[in-house]
């Protein structure tokens, strides 16, 4: 698995991340969702640079233009509910892509021990296509791994997969390097060093789903 950290370079992406992390600014759920969607736009643009293109003729009012346009068949997938604004940002860029959704969440067994429960998955045929799977936070890597495997079980094996996770932990990156196939790239905007005893990222940004859509029971 290849890892690309866009946060290492100076760009406006880091402004969005800073606002999402700020405990005062993030109280505005609309701003939080908007910044997450903006991140999706940035990630989508950067991913578009490594996809396949061919030159096509486009008829204008005054003649014929030669334009290099995207050929790669894409499926955009996200882990609900936190990933929905990020997914929309990617869909803004890849508006012709097919879409898939996975409902995966932590189900605590005893104390701090948990497993990843998948209640729902809907996806098109993914076989031979390029998959872009997004989730806001990458703490342990378990949710991403389980969701990826469920998508492959239901939709087939993609030819290549791009994972988009704005905030990641060192632990998750090490875990996924061992458990994901080589034909994958993980795109992130920040890599944090710590996890709490409940496996939350520090400094992180809190619960992305709650910040985007309100607290849950």
C-alpha atoms as a PDB file:
ATOM      1  CA  UNK A   1       0.000   0.000   0.000  1.00  0.00           C
ATOM      2  CA  UNK A   2       1.302   3.401  -1.011  1.00  0.00           C
ATOM      3  CA  UNK A   3       0.658   6.361   1.352  1.00  0.00           C
ATOM      4  CA  UNK A   4       0.327   9.961   0.114  1.00  0.00           C
ATOM      5  CA  UNK A   5       0.029  12.699   2.760  1.00  0.00           C
ATOM      6  CA  UNK A   6      -1.191  15.874   1.058  1.00  0.00           C
ATOM      7  CA  UNK A   7      -0.835  17.756   4.353  1.00  0.00           C
ATOM      8  CA  UNK A   8       2.944  17.631   4.030  1.00  0.00           C
ATOM      9  CA  UNK A   9       2.776  20.270   1.279  1.00  0.00           C
ATOM     10  CA  UNK A  10       1.565  23.828   1.799  1.00  0.00           C
ATOM     11  CA  UNK A  11      -1.888  24.269   0.295  1.00  0.00           C
ATOM     12  CA  UNK A  12      -5.339  25.528   1.241  1.00  0.00           C
ATOM     13  CA  UNK A  13      -6.185  21.935   2.225  1.00  0.00           C
ATOM     14  CA  UNK A  14      -4.397  22.572   5.534  1.00  0.00           C
ATOM     15  CA  UNK A  15      -6.721  25.522   6.229  1.00  0.00           C
ATOM     16  CA  UNK A  16      -9.703  23.197   5.948  1.00  0.00           C
ATOM     17  CA  UNK A  17      -8.074  20.664   8.258  1.00  0.00           C
ATOM     18  CA  UNK A  18      -7.219  23.378  10.809  1.00  0.00           C
ATOM     19  CA  UNK A  19     -10.838  24.577  10.928  1.00  0.00           C
ATOM     20  CA  UNK A  20     -12.116  21.015  11.276  1.00  0.00           C
ATOM     21  CA  UNK A  21      -9.787  20.399  14.213  1.00  0.00           C
ATOM     22  CA  UNK A  22     -10.537  23.709  15.983  1.00  0.00           C
ATOM     23  CA  UNK A  23     -12.911  22.934  18.870  1.00  0.00           C
ATOM     24  CA  UNK A  24     -14.613  26.330  18.532  1.00  0.00           C
ATOM     25  CA  UNK A  25     -15.065  26.424  14.768  1.00  0.00           C
ATOM     26  CA  UNK A  26     -16.178  22.784  14.598  1.00  0.00           C
ATOM     27  CA  UNK A  27     -19.261  23.622  16.670  1.00  0.00           C
ATOM     28  CA  UNK A  28     -20.718  24.946  13.411  1.00  0.00           C
ATOM     29  CA  UNK A  29     -21.864  21.681  11.820  1.00  0.00           C
ATOM     30  CA  UNK A  30     -22.503  23.355   8.454  1.00  0.00           C
ATOM     31  CA  UNK A  31     -18.924  24.650   8.353  1.00  0.00           C
ATOM     32  CA  UNK A  32     -17.643  21.209   9.349  1.00  0.00           C
ATOM     33  CA  UNK A  33     -19.574  19.475   6.564  1.00  0.00           C
ATOM     34  CA  UNK A  34     -18.503  22.142   4.056  1.00  0.00           C
ATOM     35  CA  UNK A  35     -14.836  21.731   4.966  1.00  0.00           C
ATOM     36  CA  UNK A  36     -15.138  17.971   4.684  1.00  0.00           C
ATOM     37  CA  UNK A  37     -16.700  18.368   1.258  1.00  0.00           C
ATOM     38  CA  UNK A  38     -13.884  20.731   0.249  1.00  0.00           C
ATOM     39  CA  UNK A  39     -11.378  18.080   1.281  1.00  0.00           C
ATOM     40  CA  UNK A  40     -13.187  15.658  -1.001  1.00  0.00           C
ATOM     41  CA  UNK A  41     -12.781  18.153  -3.850  1.00  0.00           C
ATOM     42  CA  UNK A  42      -9.029  18.446  -3.221  1.00  0.00           C
ATOM     43  CA  UNK A  43      -8.477  14.710  -2.863  1.00  0.00           C
ATOM     44  CA  UNK A  44     -10.533  14.067  -5.991  1.00  0.00           C
ATOM     45  CA  UNK A  45      -8.473  16.517  -8.026  1.00  0.00           C
ATOM     46  CA  UNK A  46      -5.198  14.969  -6.835  1.00  0.00           C
ATOM     47  CA  UNK A  47      -6.398  11.417  -7.508  1.00  0.00           C
ATOM     48  CA  UNK A  48      -7.539  12.464 -10.989  1.00  0.00           C
ATOM     49  CA  UNK A  49      -3.881  13.055 -11.908  1.00  0.00           C
ATOM     50  CA  UNK A  50      -3.041   9.339 -11.651  1.00  0.00           C
ATOM     51  CA  UNK A  51      -6.012   7.946 -13.595  1.00  0.00           C
ATOM     52  CA  UNK A  52      -6.222   6.988 -17.288  1.00  0.00           C
ATOM     53  CA  UNK A  53      -7.030   9.472 -20.072  1.00  0.00           C
ATOM     54  CA  UNK A  54      -7.352   9.570 -23.847  1.00  0.00           C
ATOM     55  CA  UNK A  55      -7.690  12.375 -26.381  1.00  0.00           C
ATOM     56  CA  UNK A  56     -11.131  12.959 -27.829  1.00  0.00           C
ATOM     57  CA  UNK A  57     -12.629  15.424 -30.292  1.00  0.00           C
ATOM     58  CA  UNK A  58     -15.112  17.957 -28.952  1.00  0.00           C
ATOM     59  CA  UNK A  59     -17.202  20.074 -31.317  1.00  0.00           C
ATOM     60  CA  UNK A  60     -17.319  23.743 -30.315  1.00  0.00           C
ATOM     61  CA  UNK A  61     -19.444  26.480 -31.981  1.00  0.00           C
ATOM     62  CA  UNK A  62     -16.354  27.389 -34.054  1.00  0.00           C
ATOM     63  CA  UNK A  63     -14.566  24.143 -34.719  1.00  0.00           C
ATOM     64  CA  UNK A  64     -13.085  20.947 -33.300  1.00  0.00           C
ATOM     65  CA  UNK A  65     -11.002  20.816 -30.074  1.00  0.00           C
ATOM     66  CA  UNK A  66      -8.729  17.988 -29.003  1.00  0.00           C
ATOM     67  CA  UNK A  67      -9.284  17.309 -25.278  1.00  0.00           C
ATOM     68  CA  UNK A  68      -7.715  14.702 -23.001  1.00  0.00           C
ATOM     69  CA  UNK A  69     -10.547  13.293 -20.884  1.00  0.00           C
ATOM     70  CA  UNK A  70     -10.907  10.688 -18.153  1.00  0.00           C
ATOM     71  CA  UNK A  71     -11.457   7.064 -19.203  1.00  0.00           C
ATOM     72  CA  UNK A  72     -11.088   5.197 -15.893  1.00  0.00           C
ATOM     73  CA  UNK A  73     -14.361   3.530 -14.781  1.00  0.00           C
ATOM     74  CA  UNK A  74     -14.837   4.639 -11.168  1.00  0.00           C
ATOM     75  CA  UNK A  75     -16.872   3.507  -8.179  1.00  0.00           C
ATOM     76  CA  UNK A  76     -17.018   5.915  -5.220  1.00  0.00           C
ATOM     77  CA  UNK A  77     -17.730   4.246  -1.874  1.00  0.00           C
ATOM     78  CA  UNK A  78     -17.990   5.641   1.631  1.00  0.00           C
ATOM     79  CA  UNK A  79     -18.552   4.472   5.189  1.00  0.00           C
ATOM     80  CA  UNK A  80     -21.712   6.015   6.651  1.00  0.00           C
ATOM     81  CA  UNK A  81     -22.483   8.321   8.287  1.00  0.00           C
ATOM     82  CA  UNK A  82     -19.331  10.358   8.849  1.00  0.00           C
ATOM     83  CA  UNK A  83     -18.049   9.828   5.317  1.00  0.00           C
ATOM     84  CA  UNK A  84     -21.063  11.314   3.521  1.00  0.00           C
ATOM     85  CA  UNK A  85     -19.784  14.933   3.147  1.00  0.00           C
ATOM     86  CA  UNK A  86     -16.390  13.643   2.003  1.00  0.00           C
ATOM     87  CA  UNK A  87     -18.134  11.367  -0.492  1.00  0.00           C
ATOM     88  CA  UNK A  88     -20.102  14.314  -1.874  1.00  0.00           C
ATOM     89  CA  UNK A  89     -16.883  16.262  -2.385  1.00  0.00           C
ATOM     90  CA  UNK A  90     -15.412  13.384  -4.381  1.00  0.00           C
ATOM     91  CA  UNK A  91     -18.652  13.016  -6.345  1.00  0.00           C
ATOM     92  CA  UNK A  92     -18.492  16.725  -7.240  1.00  0.00           C
ATOM     93  CA  UNK A  93     -15.203  15.945  -9.010  1.00  0.00           C
ATOM     94  CA  UNK A  94     -16.109  12.526 -10.457  1.00  0.00           C
ATOM     95  CA  UNK A  95     -19.738  13.249 -11.284  1.00  0.00           C
ATOM     96  CA  UNK A  96     -20.029  10.304 -13.663  1.00  0.00           C
ATOM     97  CA  UNK A  97     -18.898   7.702 -11.142  1.00  0.00           C
ATOM     98  CA  UNK A  98     -21.007   4.873  -9.771  1.00  0.00           C
ATOM     99  CA  UNK A  99     -21.592   4.831  -6.016  1.00  0.00           C
ATOM    100  CA  UNK A 100     -21.479   2.405  -3.097  1.00  0.00           C
ATOM    101  CA  UNK A 101     -22.285   2.764   0.616  1.00  0.00           C
ATOM    102  CA  UNK A 102     -21.339   0.725   3.672  1.00  0.00           C
ATOM    103  CA  UNK A 103     -22.753   1.100   7.183  1.00  0.00           C
ATOM    104  CA  UNK A 104     -19.905   0.008   9.464  1.00  0.00           C
ATOM    105  CA  UNK A 105     -19.529   0.859  13.126  1.00  0.00           C
ATOM    106  CA  UNK A 106     -17.771  -0.235  16.291  1.00  0.00           C
ATOM    107  CA  UNK A 107     -19.741  -2.662  18.446  1.00  0.00           C
ATOM    108  CA  UNK A 108     -18.213  -2.877  21.916  1.00  0.00           C
ATOM    109  CA  UNK A 109     -18.041  -6.355  23.436  1.00  0.00           C
ATOM    110  CA  UNK A 110     -16.391  -5.847  26.810  1.00  0.00           C
ATOM    111  CA  UNK A 111     -14.571  -2.827  28.192  1.00  0.00           C
ATOM    112  CA  UNK A 112     -12.543  -1.279  25.402  1.00  0.00           C
ATOM    113  CA  UNK A 113     -12.753  -4.355  23.176  1.00  0.00           C
ATOM    114  CA  UNK A 114     -14.843  -4.019  20.013  1.00  0.00           C
ATOM    115  CA  UNK A 115     -15.464  -5.519  16.621  1.00  0.00           C
ATOM    116  CA  UNK A 116     -16.615  -3.852  13.414  1.00  0.00           C
ATOM    117  CA  UNK A 117     -20.258  -4.518  12.593  1.00  0.00           C
ATOM    118  CA  UNK A 118     -21.570  -4.041   9.040  1.00  0.00           C
ATOM    119  CA  UNK A 119     -25.339  -3.623   8.936  1.00  0.00           C
ATOM    120  CA  UNK A 120     -25.762  -2.521   5.347  1.00  0.00           C
ATOM    121  CA  UNK A 121     -23.883  -2.529   2.050  1.00  0.00           C
ATOM    122  CA  UNK A 122     -25.048  -1.530  -1.404  1.00  0.00           C
ATOM    123  CA  UNK A 123     -22.743  -1.433  -4.389  1.00  0.00           C
ATOM    124  CA  UNK A 124     -22.614  -1.856  -8.166  1.00  0.00           C
ATOM    125  CA  UNK A 125     -20.328  -4.271  -9.957  1.00  0.00           C
ATOM    126  CA  UNK A 126     -16.760  -3.267  -8.993  1.00  0.00           C
ATOM    127  CA  UNK A 127     -14.901  -5.997 -10.875  1.00  0.00           C
ATOM    128  CA  UNK A 128     -12.101  -4.530 -12.997  1.00  0.00           C
ATOM    129  CA  UNK A 129     -12.943  -0.928 -12.052  1.00  0.00           C
ATOM    130  CA  UNK A 130     -11.129   1.607  -9.889  1.00  0.00           C
ATOM    131  CA  UNK A 131     -12.578   1.956  -6.390  1.00  0.00           C
ATOM    132  CA  UNK A 132     -12.274   5.106  -4.266  1.00  0.00           C
ATOM    133  CA  UNK A 133     -13.286   4.308  -0.675  1.00  0.00           C
ATOM    134  CA  UNK A 134     -13.525   7.260   1.726  1.00  0.00           C
ATOM    135  CA  UNK A 135     -13.855   7.594   5.485  1.00  0.00           C
ATOM    136  CA  UNK A 136     -13.157  10.611   7.652  1.00  0.00           C
ATOM    137  CA  UNK A 137     -11.035   9.045  10.393  1.00  0.00           C
ATOM    138  CA  UNK A 138      -8.574   6.174  10.254  1.00  0.00           C
ATOM    139  CA  UNK A 139      -7.919   5.188  13.875  1.00  0.00           C
ATOM    140  CA  UNK A 140      -7.206   1.442  13.970  1.00  0.00           C
ATOM    141  CA  UNK A 141      -7.847   0.660  10.290  1.00  0.00           C
ATOM    142  CA  UNK A 142     -10.375  -2.045  11.164  1.00  0.00           C
ATOM    143  CA  UNK A 143     -13.452  -0.287   9.740  1.00  0.00           C
ATOM    144  CA  UNK A 144     -11.687   0.405   6.460  1.00  0.00           C
ATOM    145  CA  UNK A 145     -10.430  -3.161   6.141  1.00  0.00           C
ATOM    146  CA  UNK A 146     -13.825  -4.723   6.941  1.00  0.00           C
ATOM    147  CA  UNK A 147     -15.677  -2.334   4.607  1.00  0.00           C
ATOM    148  CA  UNK A 148     -13.204  -2.949   1.779  1.00  0.00           C
ATOM    149  CA  UNK A 149     -13.560  -6.707   2.133  1.00  0.00           C
ATOM    150  CA  UNK A 150     -17.366  -6.448   2.208  1.00  0.00           C
ATOM    151  CA  UNK A 151     -17.360  -4.372  -0.983  1.00  0.00           C
ATOM    152  CA  UNK A 152     -15.128  -6.926  -2.687  1.00  0.00           C
ATOM    153  CA  UNK A 153     -17.332  -9.773  -1.456  1.00  0.00           C
ATOM    154  CA  UNK A 154     -20.490  -8.130  -2.834  1.00  0.00           C
ATOM    155  CA  UNK A 155     -19.169  -6.321  -5.920  1.00  0.00           C
ATOM    156  CA  UNK A 156     -15.995  -8.100  -7.039  1.00  0.00           C
ATOM    157  CA  UNK A 157     -12.320  -7.178  -7.040  1.00  0.00           C
ATOM    158  CA  UNK A 158     -11.359  -3.698  -8.264  1.00  0.00           C
ATOM    159  CA  UNK A 159      -8.308  -3.314 -10.479  1.00  0.00           C
ATOM    160  CA  UNK A 160      -7.033  -0.600  -8.125  1.00  0.00           C
ATOM    161  CA  UNK A 161      -8.276   1.063  -4.937  1.00  0.00           C
ATOM    162  CA  UNK A 162      -7.685   4.560  -3.568  1.00  0.00           C
ATOM    163  CA  UNK A 163      -8.530   5.083   0.115  1.00  0.00           C
ATOM    164  CA  UNK A 164      -9.296   8.665   1.176  1.00  0.00           C
ATOM    165  CA  UNK A 165      -8.949   9.281   4.928  1.00  0.00           C
ATOM    166  CA  UNK A 166      -8.250  12.913   5.931  1.00  0.00           C
ATOM    167  CA  UNK A 167      -7.089  12.096   9.486  1.00  0.00           C
ATOM    168  CA  UNK A 168      -5.073   8.916  10.053  1.00  0.00           C
ATOM    169  CA  UNK A 169      -3.090   7.396  12.900  1.00  0.00           C
ATOM    170  CA  UNK A 170       0.367   5.877  12.687  1.00  0.00           C
ATOM    171  CA  UNK A 171      -1.061   2.664  14.161  1.00  0.00           C
ATOM    172  CA  UNK A 172      -3.666   2.350  11.380  1.00  0.00           C
ATOM    173  CA  UNK A 173      -1.109   2.907   8.641  1.00  0.00           C
ATOM    174  CA  UNK A 174       1.131   0.185  10.052  1.00  0.00           C
ATOM    175  CA  UNK A 175      -1.849  -2.167  10.384  1.00  0.00           C
ATOM    176  CA  UNK A 176      -3.123  -1.577   6.855  1.00  0.00           C
ATOM    177  CA  UNK A 177       0.337  -1.951   5.326  1.00  0.00           C
ATOM    178  CA  UNK A 178       0.166  -5.558   6.556  1.00  0.00           C
ATOM    179  CA  UNK A 179      -3.474  -6.290   5.645  1.00  0.00           C
ATOM    180  CA  UNK A 180      -4.236  -4.511   2.361  1.00  0.00           C
ATOM    181  CA  UNK A 181      -3.147  -5.619  -1.133  1.00  0.00           C
ATOM    182  CA  UNK A 182      -0.342  -3.842  -2.961  1.00  0.00           C
ATOM    183  CA  UNK A 183      -2.601  -2.345  -5.650  1.00  0.00           C
ATOM    184  CA  UNK A 184      -3.857   0.315  -3.231  1.00  0.00           C
ATOM    185  CA  UNK A 185      -3.017   3.910  -2.311  1.00  0.00           C
ATOM    186  CA  UNK A 186      -4.062   5.684   0.866  1.00  0.00           C
ATOM    187  CA  UNK A 187      -4.527   9.457   0.615  1.00  0.00           C
ATOM    188  CA  UNK A 188      -4.533  11.481   3.826  1.00  0.00           C
ATOM    189  CA  UNK A 189      -4.168  15.082   5.034  1.00  0.00           C
ATOM    190  CA  UNK A 190      -2.688  14.431   8.492  1.00  0.00           C
ATOM    191  CA  UNK A 191      -1.041  11.542  10.321  1.00  0.00           C
ATOM    192  CA  UNK A 192      -1.380  11.658  14.133  1.00  0.00           C
ATOM    193  CA  UNK A 193       0.852   9.773  16.535  1.00  0.00           C
ATOM    194  CA  UNK A 194      -1.452   8.695  19.377  1.00  0.00           C
ATOM    195  CA  UNK A 195      -4.545   6.629  20.121  1.00  0.00           C
ATOM    196  CA  UNK A 196      -6.488   6.737  23.396  1.00  0.00           C
ATOM    197  CA  UNK A 197      -7.400   3.592  25.354  1.00  0.00           C
ATOM    198  CA  UNK A 198     -10.718   3.676  23.431  1.00  0.00           C
ATOM    199  CA  UNK A 199      -8.820   3.859  20.106  1.00  0.00           C
ATOM    200  CA  UNK A 200      -9.618   7.482  19.316  1.00  0.00           C
ATOM    201  CA  UNK A 201      -7.025   9.543  17.453  1.00  0.00           C
ATOM    202  CA  UNK A 202      -5.045  12.210  19.357  1.00  0.00           C
ATOM    203  CA  UNK A 203      -5.055  15.104  18.587  1.00  0.00           C
ATOM    204  CA  UNK A 204      -7.627  14.017  15.990  1.00  0.00           C
ATOM    205  CA  UNK A 205     -10.780  16.084  15.813  1.00  0.00           C
ATOM    206  CA  UNK A 206     -13.426  14.217  17.825  1.00  0.00           C
ATOM    207  CA  UNK A 207     -16.360  12.206  16.499  1.00  0.00           C
ATOM    208  CA  UNK A 208     -16.715  13.247  12.848  1.00  0.00           C
ATOM    209  CA  UNK A 209     -20.236  11.842  12.527  1.00  0.00           C
ATOM    210  CA  UNK A 210     -21.473  13.795  15.539  1.00  0.00           C
ATOM    211  CA  UNK A 211     -19.737  16.968  14.372  1.00  0.00           C
ATOM    212  CA  UNK A 212     -21.351  16.693  10.936  1.00  0.00           C
ATOM    213  CA  UNK A 213     -24.858  15.520  11.883  1.00  0.00           C
ATOM    214  CA  UNK A 214     -25.357  15.872  15.640  1.00  0.00           C
ATOM    215  CA  UNK A 215     -24.936  13.587  18.640  1.00  0.00           C
ATOM    216  CA  UNK A 216     -26.373  10.072  18.600  1.00  0.00           C
ATOM    217  CA  UNK A 217     -27.677   7.828  21.377  1.00  0.00           C
END
